[in-house]
Amino acid sequence: MRHTEFWSRMESALGAAYARHWASHTVLGELGGRTPQEALDAGDTPKSVWAVVWRVLELPPVDR
């Protein structure tokens, strides 16, 4: 998964206006107490960050 696909999925799940805000302000324990944006900036793969976001948001399996 590329960063562009990650952000596309985030926008589909949360809406274009809210996705980046949520990703930069929501601290997730599964990401080591970081936000999704911080995890991406630190070099975590978009796929691994998406897996955590998917679980936290309780999205349907089709969005996995």
C-alpha atoms as a PDB file:
ATOM      1  CA  MET A   1       0.000   0.000   0.000  1.00  0.00           C
ATOM      2  CA  ARG A   2       1.255   3.443  -0.891  1.00  0.00           C
ATOM      3  CA  HIS A   3       0.664   6.631   1.036  1.00  0.00           C
ATOM      4  CA  THR A   4      -1.830   7.775  -1.600  1.00  0.00           C
ATOM      5  CA  GLU A   5      -3.940   4.663  -1.084  1.00  0.00           C
ATOM      6  CA  PHE A   6      -3.727   5.071   2.686  1.00  0.00           C
ATOM      7  CA  TRP A   7      -5.054   8.636   2.465  1.00  0.00           C
ATOM      8  CA  SER A   8      -7.727   7.617  -0.002  1.00  0.00           C
ATOM      9  CA  ARG A   9      -8.950   4.966   2.434  1.00  0.00           C
ATOM     10  CA  MET A  10      -8.819   7.439   5.312  1.00  0.00           C
ATOM     11  CA  GLU A  11     -10.931   9.899   3.344  1.00  0.00           C
ATOM     12  CA  SER A  12     -13.422   7.179   2.448  1.00  0.00           C
ATOM     13  CA  ALA A  13     -13.731   6.180   6.096  1.00  0.00           C
ATOM     14  CA  LEU A  14     -13.791   9.616   7.707  1.00  0.00           C
ATOM     15  CA  GLY A  15     -14.493  12.111   4.955  1.00  0.00           C
ATOM     16  CA  ALA A  16     -12.032  14.318   3.120  1.00  0.00           C
ATOM     17  CA  ALA A  17     -12.406  17.223   5.537  1.00  0.00           C
ATOM     18  CA  TYR A  18     -11.765  15.169   8.694  1.00  0.00           C
ATOM     19  CA  ALA A  19      -9.323  12.387   7.713  1.00  0.00           C
ATOM     20  CA  ARG A  20      -6.067  14.318   8.057  1.00  0.00           C
ATOM     21  CA  HIS A  21      -7.212  16.053  11.234  1.00  0.00           C
ATOM     22  CA  TRP A  22      -8.104  12.706  12.826  1.00  0.00           C
ATOM     23  CA  ALA A  23      -4.813  11.163  11.702  1.00  0.00           C
ATOM     24  CA  SER A  24      -2.765  13.953  13.213  1.00  0.00           C
ATOM     25  CA  HIS A  25      -4.678  14.316  16.491  1.00  0.00           C
ATOM     26  CA  THR A  26      -5.772  10.802  17.488  1.00  0.00           C
ATOM     27  CA  VAL A  27      -3.196   8.972  19.597  1.00  0.00           C
ATOM     28  CA  LEU A  28      -3.426   5.198  19.264  1.00  0.00           C
ATOM     29  CA  GLY A  29      -1.924   2.765  21.743  1.00  0.00           C
ATOM     30  CA  GLU A  30      -1.354   0.170  19.036  1.00  0.00           C
ATOM     31  CA  LEU A  31       0.940   2.662  17.313  1.00  0.00           C
ATOM     32  CA  GLY A  32       3.086   3.070  20.398  1.00  0.00           C
ATOM     33  CA  GLY A  33       1.185   6.071  21.709  1.00  0.00           C
ATOM     34  CA  ARG A  34       1.561   7.946  18.436  1.00  0.00           C
ATOM     35  CA  THR A  35      -0.910   9.341  15.972  1.00  0.00           C
ATOM     36  CA  PRO A  36      -1.239   7.681  12.553  1.00  0.00           C
ATOM     37  CA  GLN A  37       0.537  10.690  11.036  1.00  0.00           C
ATOM     38  CA  GLU A  38       3.419  10.395  13.488  1.00  0.00           C
ATOM     39  CA  ALA A  39       3.704   6.671  12.737  1.00  0.00           C
ATOM     40  CA  LEU A  40       3.874   7.349   9.005  1.00  0.00           C
ATOM     41  CA  ASP A  41       6.410  10.131   9.537  1.00  0.00           C
ATOM     42  CA  ALA A  42       8.538   7.748  11.619  1.00  0.00           C
ATOM     43  CA  GLY A  43       8.652   5.252   8.761  1.00  0.00           C
ATOM     44  CA  ASP A  44       5.890   2.801   9.650  1.00  0.00           C
ATOM     45  CA  THR A  45       4.370   1.400   6.487  1.00  0.00           C
ATOM     46  CA  PRO A  46       1.019   2.740   5.362  1.00  0.00           C
ATOM     47  CA  LYS A  47      -0.252  -0.860   5.341  1.00  0.00           C
ATOM     48  CA  SER A  48       0.616  -1.431   9.007  1.00  0.00           C
ATOM     49  CA  VAL A  49      -0.811   1.930  10.061  1.00  0.00           C
ATOM     50  CA  TRP A  50      -3.984   1.259   8.078  1.00  0.00           C
ATOM     51  CA  ALA A  51      -4.391  -2.118   9.805  1.00  0.00           C
ATOM     52  CA  VAL A  52      -4.444  -0.343  13.171  1.00  0.00           C
ATOM     53  CA  VAL A  53      -6.778   2.420  11.958  1.00  0.00           C
ATOM     54  CA  TRP A  54      -9.097  -0.208  10.457  1.00  0.00           C
ATOM     55  CA  ARG A  55      -9.336  -2.041  13.797  1.00  0.00           C
ATOM     56  CA  VAL A  56      -9.774   1.116  15.869  1.00  0.00           C
ATOM     57  CA  LEU A  57     -12.519   2.493  13.631  1.00  0.00           C
ATOM     58  CA  GLU A  58     -14.165  -0.945  13.490  1.00  0.00           C
ATOM     59  CA  LEU A  59     -14.512  -0.725   9.722  1.00  0.00           C
ATOM     60  CA  PRO A  60     -16.111  -3.545   7.753  1.00  0.00           C
ATOM     61  CA  PRO A  61     -13.941  -6.374   6.394  1.00  0.00           C
ATOM     62  CA  VAL A  62     -14.341  -5.057   2.859  1.00  0.00           C
ATOM     63  CA  ASP A  63     -12.263  -2.009   3.894  1.00  0.00           C
ATOM     64  CA  ARG A  64      -9.405  -4.093   5.229  1.00  0.00           C
END
